[in-house]
Every structure is written in C-alpha cells, then in structure tokens.
Amino acid sequence: MFQFLEKAIIGMALLRMLSGSIEIFAALLILKVNQVEKALVINSSLALIGPIILILTTTIGLIGIAEKISLTKMLWIFCGVGLILYGVKSS
C-alpha cells in the first residue's frame, strides 16, 4: 500500500519544486515592478537558474542509479546535457 520514495526521487522533485517556485516568484515580481527594463533583468536572472537546476537534477538522478549504469553511459548522459546547454545558449 504505502511506498517509500527513494532519496534521489525526493531530491529531484524538491529541486523542481524550488525551480517552479522561483519562476512563479519572478513572474509576480515582474508584475509588481511594471517596467520593461526591470522585467528584462528579472527574466535574465532566471536564465542562470534553469541550467543549474537541470545539471543538479541530472546529477542526483545519476547518483541514484550509479550502481545500475556503467561509467561510460554516465559520461554519455553528461555529454548530452552539455550539448543541450550548448545548443540552447548558442545563437
């Protein structure tokens, strides 16, 4: 009936909830300042948080399955995350 959640799952979910809460707070802050220049600064600040949360969540997930996956596959996953970040960043 009652399932215990893995620590990795709890950590990943908490990071995603933190990220979502920061996004909602930033949206409310943008509405409060009501100036395009300040809104752009707030929005640009969010560009730092997204990749950090992505990397941390992926790292926690990989630590959670470390004994089930080979080192080579872990490196491929990190390379994939790196390529995602590079693709999003480059114009």
N, C-alpha and C. Protein backbone atom coordinates (compact mmCIF):
# COMPACT_ATOMS: atom_id res chain seq x y z
N MET A 1 0.81 -1.19 0.00
CA MET A 1 0.00 0.00 0.00
C MET A 1 0.85 1.26 0.00
N PHE A 2 1.63 1.42 1.06
CA PHE A 2 2.43 2.62 1.22
C PHE A 2 3.82 2.39 0.63
N GLN A 3 4.20 3.21 -0.30
CA GLN A 3 5.50 3.07 -0.93
C GLN A 3 6.46 4.10 -0.36
N PHE A 4 7.69 3.64 -0.13
CA PHE A 4 8.73 4.57 0.29
C PHE A 4 9.37 5.16 -0.96
N LEU A 5 9.58 6.44 -0.95
CA LEU A 5 10.21 7.10 -2.09
C LEU A 5 11.72 7.06 -1.91
N GLU A 6 12.42 6.90 -3.01
CA GLU A 6 13.87 6.92 -2.97
C GLU A 6 14.35 8.33 -2.68
N LYS A 7 15.52 8.41 -2.06
CA LYS A 7 16.08 9.73 -1.73
C LYS A 7 16.34 10.54 -2.99
N ALA A 8 16.80 9.88 -4.04
CA ALA A 8 17.08 10.59 -5.29
C ALA A 8 15.81 11.20 -5.86
N ILE A 9 14.72 10.47 -5.79
CA ILE A 9 13.44 10.97 -6.32
C ILE A 9 12.98 12.18 -5.52
N ILE A 10 13.11 12.10 -4.20
CA ILE A 10 12.71 13.23 -3.35
C ILE A 10 13.57 14.45 -3.66
N GLY A 11 14.88 14.24 -3.80
CA GLY A 11 15.78 15.35 -4.11
C GLY A 11 15.47 15.99 -5.45
N MET A 12 15.22 15.15 -6.46
CA MET A 12 14.91 15.67 -7.79
C MET A 12 13.59 16.45 -7.77
N ALA A 13 12.59 15.91 -7.09
CA ALA A 13 11.29 16.58 -7.02
C ALA A 13 11.39 17.90 -6.27
N LEU A 14 12.15 17.91 -5.17
CA LEU A 14 12.30 19.15 -4.41
C LEU A 14 13.01 20.23 -5.23
N LEU A 15 14.03 19.83 -5.99
CA LEU A 15 14.71 20.81 -6.84
C LEU A 15 13.77 21.39 -7.89
N ARG A 16 12.94 20.54 -8.48
CA ARG A 16 11.99 21.01 -9.49
C ARG A 16 10.93 21.91 -8.87
N MET A 17 10.49 21.58 -7.65
CA MET A 17 9.52 22.45 -6.97
C MET A 17 10.15 23.79 -6.62
N LEU A 18 11.42 23.77 -6.20
CA LEU A 18 12.13 25.02 -5.93
C LEU A 18 12.24 25.86 -7.19
N SER A 19 12.59 25.21 -8.29
CA SER A 19 12.71 25.92 -9.56
C SER A 19 11.38 26.54 -9.98
N GLY A 20 10.30 25.77 -9.85
CA GLY A 20 8.98 26.30 -10.20
C GLY A 20 8.56 27.45 -9.30
N SER A 21 8.89 27.33 -8.02
CA SER A 21 8.56 28.41 -7.08
C SER A 21 9.32 29.69 -7.42
N ILE A 22 10.58 29.53 -7.80
CA ILE A 22 11.38 30.70 -8.20
C ILE A 22 10.78 31.34 -9.45
N GLU A 23 10.33 30.52 -10.39
CA GLU A 23 9.71 31.05 -11.62
C GLU A 23 8.43 31.83 -11.30
N ILE A 24 7.61 31.27 -10.42
CA ILE A 24 6.36 31.95 -10.05
C ILE A 24 6.67 33.25 -9.32
N PHE A 25 7.64 33.21 -8.40
CA PHE A 25 8.03 34.43 -7.68
C PHE A 25 8.53 35.49 -8.66
N ALA A 26 9.32 35.08 -9.64
CA ALA A 26 9.84 36.03 -10.63
C ALA A 26 8.70 36.63 -11.45
N ALA A 27 7.71 35.82 -11.80
CA ALA A 27 6.56 36.34 -12.56
C ALA A 27 5.80 37.38 -11.74
N LEU A 28 5.60 37.09 -10.46
CA LEU A 28 4.92 38.06 -9.60
C LEU A 28 5.74 39.33 -9.43
N LEU A 29 7.05 39.17 -9.35
CA LEU A 29 7.93 40.33 -9.22
C LEU A 29 7.90 41.18 -10.48
N ILE A 30 7.85 40.54 -11.63
CA ILE A 30 7.75 41.27 -12.90
C ILE A 30 6.45 42.09 -12.93
N LEU A 31 5.36 41.48 -12.47
CA LEU A 31 4.10 42.21 -12.42
C LEU A 31 4.17 43.38 -11.46
N LYS A 32 4.86 43.18 -10.35
CA LYS A 32 4.96 44.24 -9.34
C LYS A 32 5.78 45.43 -9.84
N VAL A 33 6.94 45.18 -10.49
CA VAL A 33 7.79 46.29 -10.91
C VAL A 33 7.16 47.06 -12.06
N ASN A 34 6.44 46.37 -12.94
CA ASN A 34 5.68 47.01 -14.01
C ASN A 34 6.54 47.91 -14.90
N GLN A 35 7.78 47.53 -15.12
CA GLN A 35 8.68 48.26 -16.02
C GLN A 35 9.42 47.23 -16.88
N VAL A 36 9.44 47.48 -18.17
CA VAL A 36 10.04 46.52 -19.09
C VAL A 36 11.52 46.30 -18.80
N GLU A 37 12.25 47.37 -18.50
CA GLU A 37 13.69 47.25 -18.26
C GLU A 37 13.97 46.34 -17.06
N LYS A 38 13.25 46.57 -15.97
CA LYS A 38 13.44 45.76 -14.77
C LYS A 38 12.94 44.33 -14.99
N ALA A 39 11.87 44.19 -15.76
CA ALA A 39 11.34 42.86 -16.07
C ALA A 39 12.36 42.05 -16.87
N LEU A 40 13.07 42.70 -17.77
CA LEU A 40 14.11 42.00 -18.54
C LEU A 40 15.26 41.54 -17.65
N VAL A 41 15.62 42.35 -16.67
CA VAL A 41 16.67 41.96 -15.73
C VAL A 41 16.24 40.74 -14.92
N ILE A 42 15.01 40.76 -14.45
CA ILE A 42 14.49 39.62 -13.68
C ILE A 42 14.45 38.37 -14.55
N ASN A 43 13.96 38.52 -15.76
CA ASN A 43 13.88 37.40 -16.68
C ASN A 43 15.27 36.85 -17.02
N SER A 44 16.23 37.72 -17.19
CA SER A 44 17.59 37.29 -17.49
C SER A 44 18.21 36.53 -16.32
N SER A 45 17.83 36.92 -15.11
CA SER A 45 18.33 36.22 -13.93
C SER A 45 17.84 34.77 -13.91
N LEU A 46 16.66 34.55 -14.43
CA LEU A 46 16.13 33.18 -14.49
C LEU A 46 16.93 32.30 -15.44
N ALA A 47 17.59 32.91 -16.40
CA ALA A 47 18.39 32.14 -17.35
C ALA A 47 19.56 31.44 -16.66
N LEU A 48 19.98 31.93 -15.51
CA LEU A 48 21.04 31.27 -14.74
C LEU A 48 20.51 30.09 -13.94
N ILE A 49 19.30 30.20 -13.47
CA ILE A 49 18.75 29.19 -12.57
C ILE A 49 18.39 27.91 -13.32
N GLY A 50 17.81 28.03 -14.49
CA GLY A 50 17.37 26.86 -15.26
C GLY A 50 18.46 25.83 -15.50
N PRO A 51 19.59 26.22 -16.08
CA PRO A 51 20.65 25.24 -16.32
C PRO A 51 21.24 24.65 -15.04
N ILE A 52 21.31 25.44 -13.99
CA ILE A 52 21.83 24.93 -12.72
C ILE A 52 20.92 23.84 -12.19
N ILE A 53 19.61 24.07 -12.23
CA ILE A 53 18.65 23.07 -11.77
C ILE A 53 18.73 21.83 -12.65
N LEU A 54 18.86 22.00 -13.96
CA LEU A 54 18.98 20.86 -14.87
C LEU A 54 20.18 20.00 -14.51
N ILE A 55 21.32 20.64 -14.31
CA ILE A 55 22.55 19.89 -14.00
C ILE A 55 22.42 19.20 -12.64
N LEU A 56 21.91 19.90 -11.64
CA LEU A 56 21.77 19.30 -10.32
C LEU A 56 20.79 18.13 -10.31
N THR A 57 19.66 18.29 -11.00
CA THR A 57 18.67 17.22 -11.05
C THR A 57 19.24 16.00 -11.77
N THR A 58 19.93 16.21 -12.87
CA THR A 58 20.55 15.10 -13.60
C THR A 58 21.60 14.42 -12.75
N THR A 59 22.39 15.19 -12.03
CA THR A 59 23.43 14.62 -11.17
C THR A 59 22.81 13.76 -10.08
N ILE A 60 21.76 14.26 -9.43
CA ILE A 60 21.10 13.48 -8.39
C ILE A 60 20.53 12.19 -8.98
N GLY A 61 19.92 12.28 -10.14
CA GLY A 61 19.38 11.08 -10.79
C GLY A 61 20.46 10.07 -11.11
N LEU A 62 21.58 10.55 -11.60
CA LEU A 62 22.68 9.63 -11.94
C LEU A 62 23.29 9.00 -10.70
N ILE A 63 23.38 9.77 -9.63
CA ILE A 63 23.88 9.20 -8.37
C ILE A 63 22.92 8.12 -7.88
N GLY A 64 21.63 8.35 -8.08
CA GLY A 64 20.62 7.38 -7.67
C GLY A 64 20.69 6.07 -8.43
N ILE A 65 21.18 6.10 -9.67
CA ILE A 65 21.29 4.87 -10.45
C ILE A 65 22.74 4.48 -10.70
N ALA A 66 23.64 5.01 -9.90
CA ALA A 66 25.07 4.80 -10.12
C ALA A 66 25.45 3.33 -10.16
N GLU A 67 24.85 2.51 -9.32
CA GLU A 67 25.23 1.10 -9.30
C GLU A 67 24.58 0.31 -10.43
N LYS A 68 23.61 0.90 -11.10
CA LYS A 68 22.89 0.20 -12.17
C LYS A 68 23.38 0.56 -13.57
N ILE A 69 24.23 1.58 -13.68
CA ILE A 69 24.63 2.06 -15.00
C ILE A 69 26.16 2.18 -15.05
N SER A 70 26.70 1.94 -16.22
CA SER A 70 28.16 1.97 -16.36
C SER A 70 28.67 3.42 -16.41
N LEU A 71 29.95 3.56 -16.11
CA LEU A 71 30.58 4.89 -16.13
C LEU A 71 30.51 5.50 -17.53
N THR A 72 30.68 4.67 -18.55
CA THR A 72 30.62 5.17 -19.93
C THR A 72 29.25 5.77 -20.23
N LYS A 73 28.19 5.09 -19.82
CA LYS A 73 26.84 5.62 -20.07
C LYS A 73 26.60 6.90 -19.29
N MET A 74 27.15 7.00 -18.07
CA MET A 74 27.02 8.24 -17.31
C MET A 74 27.69 9.39 -18.04
N LEU A 75 28.88 9.13 -18.58
CA LEU A 75 29.59 10.18 -19.33
C LEU A 75 28.79 10.61 -20.55
N TRP A 76 28.15 9.65 -21.23
CA TRP A 76 27.33 9.99 -22.39
C TRP A 76 26.15 10.87 -21.99
N ILE A 77 25.56 10.57 -20.84
CA ILE A 77 24.44 11.38 -20.36
C ILE A 77 24.90 12.79 -20.06
N PHE A 78 26.04 12.93 -19.37
CA PHE A 78 26.55 14.28 -19.08
C PHE A 78 26.92 15.02 -20.36
N CYS A 79 27.46 14.30 -21.33
CA CYS A 79 27.76 14.94 -22.62
C CYS A 79 26.47 15.42 -23.28
N GLY A 80 25.41 14.62 -23.19
CA GLY A 80 24.12 15.02 -23.75
C GLY A 80 23.57 16.26 -23.09
N VAL A 81 23.67 16.32 -21.76
CA VAL A 81 23.21 17.51 -21.04
C VAL A 81 24.04 18.72 -21.45
N GLY A 82 25.34 18.51 -21.57
CA GLY A 82 26.23 19.60 -22.00
C GLY A 82 25.87 20.11 -23.39
N LEU A 83 25.54 19.18 -24.31
CA LEU A 83 25.16 19.58 -25.66
C LEU A 83 23.81 20.33 -25.66
N ILE A 84 22.90 19.91 -24.79
CA ILE A 84 21.62 20.63 -24.67
C ILE A 84 21.88 22.06 -24.23
N LEU A 85 22.71 22.22 -23.21
CA LEU A 85 23.02 23.57 -22.72
C LEU A 85 23.75 24.40 -23.78
N TYR A 86 24.67 23.77 -24.51
CA TYR A 86 25.38 24.47 -25.57
C TYR A 86 24.42 24.88 -26.68
N GLY A 87 23.51 23.99 -27.08
CA GLY A 87 22.55 24.28 -28.13
C GLY A 87 21.58 25.39 -27.76
N VAL A 88 21.20 25.43 -26.52
CA VAL A 88 20.28 26.47 -26.07
C VAL A 88 20.99 27.81 -25.96
N LYS A 89 22.24 27.78 -25.53
CA LYS A 89 22.99 29.02 -25.32
C LYS A 89 23.42 29.66 -26.63
N SER A 90 23.86 28.85 -27.59
CA SER A 90 24.39 29.44 -28.82
C SER A 90 23.25 30.01 -29.67
N SER A 91 23.57 31.09 -30.35
CA SER A 91 22.53 31.78 -31.13
C SER A 91 22.58 31.39 -32.57
